[in-house]
Amino acid sequence: MQIEWVPASKGQNVAVTVPTLDALLADMKVHFADQKGFSLATLNLDHVVKLRDDAAFRAAYVAHSHVTADGNPIVWLSKLARTPVSLLAGADLIAPLAQLAGSMDVPVGLLGSTEDTLQAAADALQARHPGLRVVTRIAPPMGFDPTGDLAESYIAQLEADGVGLCFLALGAPKQELFAAHAMTKTDSVGFVSIGAGLDFIAGTQVRAPRFVRLIAAEWLWRLLTNPRRLAARYAACFGVLPRLLVSALRARRANG
């Protein structure tokens, strides 16, 4: 039994489907070799809040082929429910997926952020991962509709360029909405939602130091660096924890 990240009354089952990095990479090898598309979302508490309030976001999430645990609360609750998963945050998936794409000569696309950030991120990724080819960079305008006509042209461009792996840096819920929509239009491109991951690589945003992440305090680092923007978001995240804890305990009993 899985934790009910979204109440059962919503009628759509959201679950972490990828338990470990090794499992993900093994599956990605098959997808890349077969030129088979996929869409990967990274579940965190902010997404749980959005999923409960936004029907379109919920439908897009359910349509994804892969979901990983992005955030220690998701990992801890899953362990409590006896369905343990590894922490696989979007920003941390870029390097291993880029490495795999480079080794298999899978063309890569970057979509989101700004043109300058995309150029810097592409240069850094290609320098770090021998054989990696970033063939497409797309910086959507402000107000970009992830399911509109411009999105359709971006999907066609990615497919025409032969992109097998596209990193989406549009932020939630826009990146997940785009990925789910794109999967109905192409069966050869794989989409991975990474939030601010490209900004971290390009150096336009500073991620919490590694030791902060190791003690599971990245959320506190982010809150202290941008309290006005994040205070309400984190308050909402803490608000769903009691219900998730109850669900995890129920799953634990069901899982024996």
C-alpha atoms as a PDB file:
ATOM      1  CA  MET A   1       0.000   0.000   0.000  1.00  0.00           C
ATOM      2  CA  GLN A   2       1.288   3.461  -0.929  1.00  0.00           C
ATOM      3  CA  ILE A   3       0.965   6.649   1.038  1.00  0.00           C
ATOM      4  CA  GLU A   4      -2.036   8.688  -0.090  1.00  0.00           C
ATOM      5  CA  TRP A   5      -0.159  11.803  -1.170  1.00  0.00           C
ATOM      6  CA  VAL A   6      -3.430  12.980  -2.659  1.00  0.00           C
ATOM      7  CA  PRO A   7      -6.639  11.991  -0.804  1.00  0.00           C
ATOM      8  CA  ALA A   8      -8.292   8.938  -2.288  1.00  0.00           C
ATOM      9  CA  SER A   9     -11.457  10.947  -2.895  1.00  0.00           C
ATOM     10  CA  LYS A  10      -9.608  12.808  -5.653  1.00  0.00           C
ATOM     11  CA  GLY A  11      -9.715   9.591  -7.662  1.00  0.00           C
ATOM     12  CA  GLN A  12      -6.175   9.815  -9.036  1.00  0.00           C
ATOM     13  CA  ASN A  13      -3.274   7.820  -7.620  1.00  0.00           C
ATOM     14  CA  VAL A  14       0.009   9.690  -7.227  1.00  0.00           C
ATOM     15  CA  ALA A  15       2.923   7.496  -6.168  1.00  0.00           C
ATOM     16  CA  VAL A  16       6.713   7.424  -6.139  1.00  0.00           C
ATOM     17  CA  THR A  17       7.498   4.863  -8.833  1.00  0.00           C
ATOM     18  CA  VAL A  18      11.320   4.942  -8.938  1.00  0.00           C
ATOM     19  CA  PRO A  19      12.931   3.630  -5.719  1.00  0.00           C
ATOM     20  CA  THR A  20      16.643   4.121  -6.447  1.00  0.00           C
ATOM     21  CA  LEU A  21      19.067   5.838  -8.806  1.00  0.00           C
ATOM     22  CA  ASP A  22      20.323   2.480 -10.080  1.00  0.00           C
ATOM     23  CA  ALA A  23      16.773   1.478 -10.991  1.00  0.00           C
ATOM     24  CA  LEU A  24      16.225   4.777 -12.784  1.00  0.00           C
ATOM     25  CA  LEU A  25      19.449   4.583 -14.802  1.00  0.00           C
ATOM     26  CA  ALA A  26      18.788   0.986 -15.793  1.00  0.00           C
ATOM     27  CA  ASP A  27      15.362   1.978 -17.096  1.00  0.00           C
ATOM     28  CA  MET A  28      16.725   5.070 -18.840  1.00  0.00           C
ATOM     29  CA  LYS A  29      19.261   2.916 -20.697  1.00  0.00           C
ATOM     30  CA  VAL A  30      16.392   0.928 -22.169  1.00  0.00           C
ATOM     31  CA  HIS A  31      14.426   4.046 -23.081  1.00  0.00           C
ATOM     32  CA  PHE A  32      17.432   5.700 -24.721  1.00  0.00           C
ATOM     33  CA  ALA A  33      18.382   2.546 -26.634  1.00  0.00           C
ATOM     34  CA  ASP A  34      14.818   2.131 -27.922  1.00  0.00           C
ATOM     35  CA  GLN A  35      14.366   5.894 -28.541  1.00  0.00           C
ATOM     36  CA  LYS A  36      11.294   5.680 -26.354  1.00  0.00           C
ATOM     37  CA  GLY A  37       9.941   8.800 -24.679  1.00  0.00           C
ATOM     38  CA  PHE A  38       9.174   9.246 -20.994  1.00  0.00           C
ATOM     39  CA  SER A  39       8.335  11.956 -18.481  1.00  0.00           C
ATOM     40  CA  LEU A  40       9.841  12.219 -15.015  1.00  0.00           C
ATOM     41  CA  ALA A  41       8.488  14.301 -12.127  1.00  0.00           C
ATOM     42  CA  THR A  42      10.088  14.758  -8.711  1.00  0.00           C
ATOM     43  CA  LEU A  43       7.625  14.679  -5.810  1.00  0.00           C
ATOM     44  CA  ASN A  44       8.127  17.042  -2.869  1.00  0.00           C
ATOM     45  CA  LEU A  45       5.847  18.577  -0.235  1.00  0.00           C
ATOM     46  CA  ASP A  46       5.222  21.707  -2.298  1.00  0.00           C
ATOM     47  CA  HIS A  47       3.996  19.468  -5.104  1.00  0.00           C
ATOM     48  CA  VAL A  48       1.767  17.570  -2.667  1.00  0.00           C
ATOM     49  CA  VAL A  49       0.099  20.850  -1.700  1.00  0.00           C
ATOM     50  CA  LYS A  50      -0.355  21.830  -5.353  1.00  0.00           C
ATOM     51  CA  LEU A  51      -1.630  18.380  -6.271  1.00  0.00           C
ATOM     52  CA  ARG A  52      -4.405  18.641  -3.702  1.00  0.00           C
ATOM     53  CA  ASP A  53      -5.550  22.026  -4.982  1.00  0.00           C
ATOM     54  CA  ASP A  54      -4.926  21.903  -8.746  1.00  0.00           C
ATOM     55  CA  ALA A  55      -6.822  19.345 -10.840  1.00  0.00           C
ATOM     56  CA  ALA A  56      -4.800  20.055 -14.004  1.00  0.00           C
ATOM     57  CA  PHE A  57      -1.512  19.573 -12.153  1.00  0.00           C
ATOM     58  CA  ARG A  58      -2.840  16.357 -10.635  1.00  0.00           C
ATOM     59  CA  ALA A  59      -3.855  14.981 -14.038  1.00  0.00           C
ATOM     60  CA  ALA A  60      -0.454  15.884 -15.486  1.00  0.00           C
ATOM     61  CA  TYR A  61       1.379  14.179 -12.618  1.00  0.00           C
ATOM     62  CA  VAL A  62      -0.616  10.981 -12.986  1.00  0.00           C
ATOM     63  CA  ALA A  63       0.263  10.948 -16.695  1.00  0.00           C
ATOM     64  CA  HIS A  64       4.019  10.871 -15.938  1.00  0.00           C
ATOM     65  CA  SER A  65       5.827   7.587 -16.496  1.00  0.00           C
ATOM     66  CA  HIS A  66       8.347   8.122 -13.672  1.00  0.00           C
ATOM     67  CA  VAL A  67       8.099   9.824 -10.269  1.00  0.00           C
ATOM     68  CA  THR A  68      11.013  10.143  -7.828  1.00  0.00           C
ATOM     69  CA  ALA A  69      11.240  11.407  -4.244  1.00  0.00           C
ATOM     70  CA  ASP A  70      12.478  15.000  -4.138  1.00  0.00           C
ATOM     71  CA  GLY A  71      12.718  15.985  -0.495  1.00  0.00           C
ATOM     72  CA  ASN A  72      13.615  14.260   2.755  1.00  0.00           C
ATOM     73  CA  PRO A  73      10.029  14.305   4.105  1.00  0.00           C
ATOM     74  CA  ILE A  74       8.942  12.173   1.138  1.00  0.00           C
ATOM     75  CA  VAL A  75      11.814   9.760   1.837  1.00  0.00           C
ATOM     76  CA  TRP A  76      11.157   9.609   5.598  1.00  0.00           C
ATOM     77  CA  LEU A  77       7.412   9.084   5.202  1.00  0.00           C
ATOM     78  CA  SER A  78       7.992   6.371   2.597  1.00  0.00           C
ATOM     79  CA  LYS A  79      10.376   4.594   4.946  1.00  0.00           C
ATOM     80  CA  LEU A  80       7.805   4.819   7.734  1.00  0.00           C
ATOM     81  CA  ALA A  81       5.244   3.252   5.379  1.00  0.00           C
ATOM     82  CA  ARG A  82       7.675   0.382   4.662  1.00  0.00           C
ATOM     83  CA  THR A  83       7.971   1.430   1.031  1.00  0.00           C
ATOM     84  CA  PRO A  84      11.506   2.882   1.192  1.00  0.00           C
ATOM     85  CA  VAL A  85      12.802   5.089  -1.622  1.00  0.00           C
ATOM     86  CA  SER A  86      16.009   7.024  -2.212  1.00  0.00           C
ATOM     87  CA  LEU A  87      16.236  10.808  -2.356  1.00  0.00           C
ATOM     88  CA  LEU A  88      16.355  11.676  -6.069  1.00  0.00           C
ATOM     89  CA  ALA A  89      15.956  15.426  -6.395  1.00  0.00           C
ATOM     90  CA  GLY A  90      15.656  16.964  -9.833  1.00  0.00           C
ATOM     91  CA  ALA A  91      18.858  18.982  -9.550  1.00  0.00           C
ATOM     92  CA  ASP A  92      20.762  15.846  -8.502  1.00  0.00           C
ATOM     93  CA  LEU A  93      19.514  13.846 -11.477  1.00  0.00           C
ATOM     94  CA  ILE A  94      21.057  16.142 -14.089  1.00  0.00           C
ATOM     95  CA  ALA A  95      24.623  14.859 -13.782  1.00  0.00           C
ATOM     96  CA  PRO A  96      23.937  11.085 -13.900  1.00  0.00           C
ATOM     97  CA  LEU A  97      21.415  11.462 -16.725  1.00  0.00           C
ATOM     98  CA  ALA A  98      23.742  13.751 -18.678  1.00  0.00           C
ATOM     99  CA  GLN A  99      26.564  11.262 -18.169  1.00  0.00           C
ATOM    100  CA  LEU A 100      24.383   8.427 -19.458  1.00  0.00           C
ATOM    101  CA  ALA A 101      23.164  10.488 -22.419  1.00  0.00           C
ATOM    102  CA  GLY A 102      26.746  11.355 -23.336  1.00  0.00           C
ATOM    103  CA  SER A 103      27.872   7.738 -23.168  1.00  0.00           C
ATOM    104  CA  MET A 104      24.972   6.636 -25.397  1.00  0.00           C
ATOM    105  CA  ASP A 105      25.175   9.590 -27.808  1.00  0.00           C
ATOM    106  CA  VAL A 106      21.663  10.752 -26.937  1.00  0.00           C
ATOM    107  CA  PRO A 107      21.111  14.393 -27.998  1.00  0.00           C
ATOM    108  CA  VAL A 108      20.014  16.663 -25.163  1.00  0.00           C
ATOM    109  CA  GLY A 109      17.699  19.659 -25.086  1.00  0.00           C
ATOM    110  CA  LEU A 110      17.331  22.387 -22.452  1.00  0.00           C
ATOM    111  CA  LEU A 111      14.010  24.196 -22.081  1.00  0.00           C
ATOM    112  CA  GLY A 112      13.311  26.985 -19.602  1.00  0.00           C
ATOM    113  CA  SER A 113      15.079  29.829 -17.785  1.00  0.00           C
ATOM    114  CA  THR A 114      16.869  32.446 -19.948  1.00  0.00           C
ATOM    115  CA  GLU A 115      19.032  32.216 -23.047  1.00  0.00           C
ATOM    116  CA  ASP A 116      22.157  33.269 -21.138  1.00  0.00           C
ATOM    117  CA  THR A 117      21.530  30.666 -18.433  1.00  0.00           C
ATOM    118  CA  LEU A 118      20.901  27.952 -21.020  1.00  0.00           C
ATOM    119  CA  GLN A 119      24.132  28.775 -22.847  1.00  0.00           C
ATOM    120  CA  ALA A 120      26.167  28.716 -19.633  1.00  0.00           C
ATOM    121  CA  ALA A 121      24.505  25.495 -18.479  1.00  0.00           C
ATOM    122  CA  ALA A 122      25.054  23.828 -21.867  1.00  0.00           C
ATOM    123  CA  ASP A 123      28.744  24.789 -21.871  1.00  0.00           C
ATOM    124  CA  ALA A 124      29.205  23.492 -18.313  1.00  0.00           C
ATOM    125  CA  LEU A 125      27.399  20.212 -18.952  1.00  0.00           C
ATOM    126  CA  GLN A 126      29.340  19.481 -22.143  1.00  0.00           C
ATOM    127  CA  ALA A 127      32.619  20.253 -20.382  1.00  0.00           C
ATOM    128  CA  ARG A 128      31.781  17.939 -17.491  1.00  0.00           C
ATOM    129  CA  HIS A 129      30.369  15.026 -19.486  1.00  0.00           C
ATOM    130  CA  PRO A 130      32.472  13.849 -22.450  1.00  0.00           C
ATOM    131  CA  GLY A 131      30.387  12.994 -25.485  1.00  0.00           C
ATOM    132  CA  LEU A 132      27.364  14.995 -24.342  1.00  0.00           C
ATOM    133  CA  ARG A 133      25.721  17.033 -27.114  1.00  0.00           C
ATOM    134  CA  VAL A 134      23.295  19.794 -26.184  1.00  0.00           C
ATOM    135  CA  VAL A 135      21.595  20.345 -29.536  1.00  0.00           C
ATOM    136  CA  THR A 136      18.593  22.458 -28.547  1.00  0.00           C
ATOM    137  CA  ARG A 137      18.181  25.401 -26.188  1.00  0.00           C
ATOM    138  CA  ILE A 138      14.768  27.031 -25.759  1.00  0.00           C
ATOM    139  CA  ALA A 139      14.060  29.969 -23.441  1.00  0.00           C
ATOM    140  CA  PRO A 140      10.268  30.529 -23.441  1.00  0.00           C
ATOM    141  CA  PRO A 141       8.887  34.055 -23.029  1.00  0.00           C
ATOM    142  CA  MET A 142       7.145  35.307 -19.903  1.00  0.00           C
ATOM    143  CA  GLY A 143       3.600  33.998 -19.669  1.00  0.00           C
ATOM    144  CA  PHE A 144       4.434  30.862 -21.672  1.00  0.00           C
ATOM    145  CA  ASP A 145       1.437  28.519 -21.940  1.00  0.00           C
ATOM    146  CA  PRO A 146       2.731  24.931 -21.485  1.00  0.00           C
ATOM    147  CA  THR A 147      -0.118  23.495 -23.555  1.00  0.00           C
ATOM    148  CA  GLY A 148      -0.581  26.290 -26.134  1.00  0.00           C
ATOM    149  CA  ASP A 149       0.520  26.843 -29.713  1.00  0.00           C
ATOM    150  CA  LEU A 150       4.049  27.883 -28.739  1.00  0.00           C
ATOM    151  CA  ALA A 151       4.417  24.703 -26.725  1.00  0.00           C
ATOM    152  CA  GLU A 152       3.411  22.752 -29.819  1.00  0.00           C
ATOM    153  CA  SER A 153       6.190  24.421 -31.820  1.00  0.00           C
ATOM    154  CA  TYR A 154       8.745  23.638 -29.103  1.00  0.00           C
ATOM    155  CA  ILE A 155       7.744  19.979 -29.075  1.00  0.00           C
ATOM    156  CA  ALA A 156       8.092  19.830 -32.862  1.00  0.00           C
ATOM    157  CA  GLN A 157      11.516  21.479 -32.646  1.00  0.00           C
ATOM    158  CA  LEU A 158      12.752  19.009 -30.027  1.00  0.00           C
ATOM    159  CA  GLU A 159      11.568  16.088 -32.136  1.00  0.00           C
ATOM    160  CA  ALA A 160      13.057  17.520 -35.343  1.00  0.00           C
ATOM    161  CA  ASP A 161      16.421  18.030 -33.611  1.00  0.00           C
ATOM    162  CA  GLY A 162      16.453  14.383 -32.528  1.00  0.00           C
ATOM    163  CA  VAL A 163      16.443  15.214 -28.813  1.00  0.00           C
ATOM    164  CA  GLY A 164      16.181  12.095 -26.659  1.00  0.00           C
ATOM    165  CA  LEU A 165      16.516  13.800 -23.279  1.00  0.00           C
ATOM    166  CA  CYS A 166      15.082  17.223 -22.477  1.00  0.00           C
ATOM    167  CA  PHE A 167      15.668  18.934 -19.137  1.00  0.00           C
ATOM    168  CA  LEU A 168      12.712  21.170 -18.218  1.00  0.00           C
ATOM    169  CA  ALA A 169      13.497  24.178 -16.033  1.00  0.00           C
ATOM    170  CA  LEU A 170      10.102  25.869 -16.018  1.00  0.00           C
ATOM    171  CA  GLY A 171       9.159  25.405 -12.368  1.00  0.00           C
ATOM    172  CA  ALA A 172       6.088  23.621 -11.021  1.00  0.00           C
ATOM    173  CA  PRO A 173       3.398  23.224 -12.190  1.00  0.00           C
ATOM    174  CA  LYS A 174       4.346  24.550 -15.644  1.00  0.00           C
ATOM    175  CA  GLN A 175       7.104  22.011 -16.354  1.00  0.00           C
ATOM    176  CA  GLU A 176       4.927  19.031 -15.406  1.00  0.00           C
ATOM    177  CA  LEU A 177       2.022  20.378 -17.468  1.00  0.00           C
ATOM    178  CA  PHE A 178       4.321  20.784 -20.469  1.00  0.00           C
ATOM    179  CA  ALA A 179       5.817  17.292 -20.066  1.00  0.00           C
ATOM    180  CA  ALA A 180       2.421  15.600 -19.826  1.00  0.00           C
ATOM    181  CA  HIS A 181       1.157  17.518 -22.862  1.00  0.00           C
ATOM    182  CA  ALA A 182       4.326  16.781 -24.841  1.00  0.00           C
ATOM    183  CA  MET A 183       3.995  13.058 -24.169  1.00  0.00           C
ATOM    184  CA  THR A 184       0.727  13.088 -26.134  1.00  0.00           C
ATOM    185  CA  LYS A 185       2.551  14.595 -29.129  1.00  0.00           C
ATOM    186  CA  THR A 186       5.850  12.699 -29.261  1.00  0.00           C
ATOM    187  CA  ASP A 187       6.944   9.199 -28.327  1.00  0.00           C
ATOM    188  CA  SER A 188      10.689   9.706 -28.769  1.00  0.00           C
ATOM    189  CA  VAL A 189      11.635  12.530 -26.365  1.00  0.00           C
ATOM    190  CA  GLY A 190      12.232  11.984 -22.650  1.00  0.00           C
ATOM    191  CA  PHE A 191      11.377  14.879 -20.325  1.00  0.00           C
ATOM    192  CA  VAL A 192      12.867  15.446 -16.860  1.00  0.00           C
ATOM    193  CA  SER A 193      11.561  18.289 -14.687  1.00  0.00           C
ATOM    194  CA  ILE A 194      14.424  19.872 -12.749  1.00  0.00           C
ATOM    195  CA  GLY A 195      13.165  23.250 -11.481  1.00  0.00           C
ATOM    196  CA  ALA A 196      16.133  25.532 -10.807  1.00  0.00           C
ATOM    197  CA  GLY A 197      18.682  22.857 -11.733  1.00  0.00           C
ATOM    198  CA  LEU A 198      20.061  24.660 -14.784  1.00  0.00           C
ATOM    199  CA  ASP A 199      20.418  27.893 -12.811  1.00  0.00           C
ATOM    200  CA  PHE A 200      22.556  26.036 -10.270  1.00  0.00           C
ATOM    201  CA  ILE A 201      24.790  24.666 -13.034  1.00  0.00           C
ATOM    202  CA  ALA A 202      25.060  28.053 -14.747  1.00  0.00           C
ATOM    203  CA  GLY A 203      25.795  29.802 -11.446  1.00  0.00           C
ATOM    204  CA  THR A 204      22.847  32.197 -11.727  1.00  0.00           C
ATOM    205  CA  GLN A 205      21.408  30.753  -8.504  1.00  0.00           C
ATOM    206  CA  VAL A 206      23.332  29.422  -5.517  1.00  0.00           C
ATOM    207  CA  ARG A 207      22.261  26.082  -4.105  1.00  0.00           C
ATOM    208  CA  ALA A 208      22.631  25.240  -0.420  1.00  0.00           C
ATOM    209  CA  PRO A 209      26.125  23.927   0.427  1.00  0.00           C
ATOM    210  CA  ARG A 210      26.525  20.169   0.419  1.00  0.00           C
ATOM    211  CA  PHE A 211      26.812  19.885   4.213  1.00  0.00           C
ATOM    212  CA  VAL A 212      23.495  21.727   4.575  1.00  0.00           C
ATOM    213  CA  ARG A 213      21.880  19.233   2.224  1.00  0.00           C
ATOM    214  CA  LEU A 214      23.442  16.313   4.099  1.00  0.00           C
ATOM    215  CA  ILE A 215      21.747  17.388   7.333  1.00  0.00           C
ATOM    216  CA  ALA A 216      18.415  17.781   5.497  1.00  0.00           C
ATOM    217  CA  ALA A 217      18.341  21.546   6.004  1.00  0.00           C
ATOM    218  CA  GLU A 218      18.228  22.745   2.403  1.00  0.00           C
ATOM    219  CA  TRP A 219      14.651  23.954   2.949  1.00  0.00           C
ATOM    220  CA  LEU A 220      15.847  26.135   5.851  1.00  0.00           C
ATOM    221  CA  TRP A 221      18.682  27.545   3.734  1.00  0.00           C
ATOM    222  CA  ARG A 222      16.223  28.480   1.016  1.00  0.00           C
ATOM    223  CA  LEU A 223      13.793  29.989   3.509  1.00  0.00           C
ATOM    224  CA  LEU A 224      16.468  32.157   5.102  1.00  0.00           C
ATOM    225  CA  THR A 225      17.697  33.386   1.725  1.00  0.00           C
ATOM    226  CA  ASN A 226      14.206  34.255   0.453  1.00  0.00           C
ATOM    227  CA  PRO A 227      11.727  34.417   3.366  1.00  0.00           C
ATOM    228  CA  ARG A 228       9.216  36.709   1.700  1.00  0.00           C
ATOM    229  CA  ARG A 229       8.669  34.362  -1.239  1.00  0.00           C
ATOM    230  CA  LEU A 230       8.919  31.045   0.591  1.00  0.00           C
ATOM    231  CA  ALA A 231       7.370  31.544   4.053  1.00  0.00           C
ATOM    232  CA  ALA A 232       3.788  30.926   2.949  1.00  0.00           C
ATOM    233  CA  ARG A 233       4.842  27.995   0.755  1.00  0.00           C
ATOM    234  CA  TYR A 234       6.644  26.220   3.573  1.00  0.00           C
ATOM    235  CA  ALA A 235       3.806  26.915   5.994  1.00  0.00           C
ATOM    236  CA  ALA A 236       1.477  25.091   3.605  1.00  0.00           C
ATOM    237  CA  CYS A 237       3.965  22.232   3.344  1.00  0.00           C
ATOM    238  CA  PHE A 238       4.119  21.839   7.123  1.00  0.00           C
ATOM    239  CA  GLY A 239       0.327  21.954   7.164  1.00  0.00           C
ATOM    240  CA  VAL A 240      -0.043  18.732   5.162  1.00  0.00           C
ATOM    241  CA  LEU A 241       2.461  16.758   7.250  1.00  0.00           C
ATOM    242  CA  PRO A 242       0.033  15.541   9.963  1.00  0.00           C
ATOM    243  CA  ARG A 243      -2.303  14.012   7.371  1.00  0.00           C
ATOM    244  CA  LEU A 244       0.609  12.461   5.507  1.00  0.00           C
ATOM    245  CA  LEU A 245       1.940  10.983   8.741  1.00  0.00           C
ATOM    246  CA  VAL A 246      -1.433   9.336   9.409  1.00  0.00           C
ATOM    247  CA  SER A 247      -1.481   7.970   5.857  1.00  0.00           C
ATOM    248  CA  ALA A 248       2.068   6.636   6.240  1.00  0.00           C
ATOM    249  CA  LEU A 249       1.126   4.835   9.465  1.00  0.00           C
ATOM    250  CA  ARG A 250      -1.907   3.291   7.765  1.00  0.00           C
ATOM    251  CA  ALA A 251       0.278   2.127   4.896  1.00  0.00           C
ATOM    252  CA  ARG A 252       2.787   0.724   7.373  1.00  0.00           C
ATOM    253  CA  ARG A 253       0.103  -1.433   8.998  1.00  0.00           C
ATOM    254  CA  ALA A 254      -1.173  -2.576   5.601  1.00  0.00           C
ATOM    255  CA  ASN A 255       2.336  -3.416   4.422  1.00  0.00           C
ATOM    256  CA  GLY A 256       3.012  -5.526   7.503  1.00  0.00           C
END
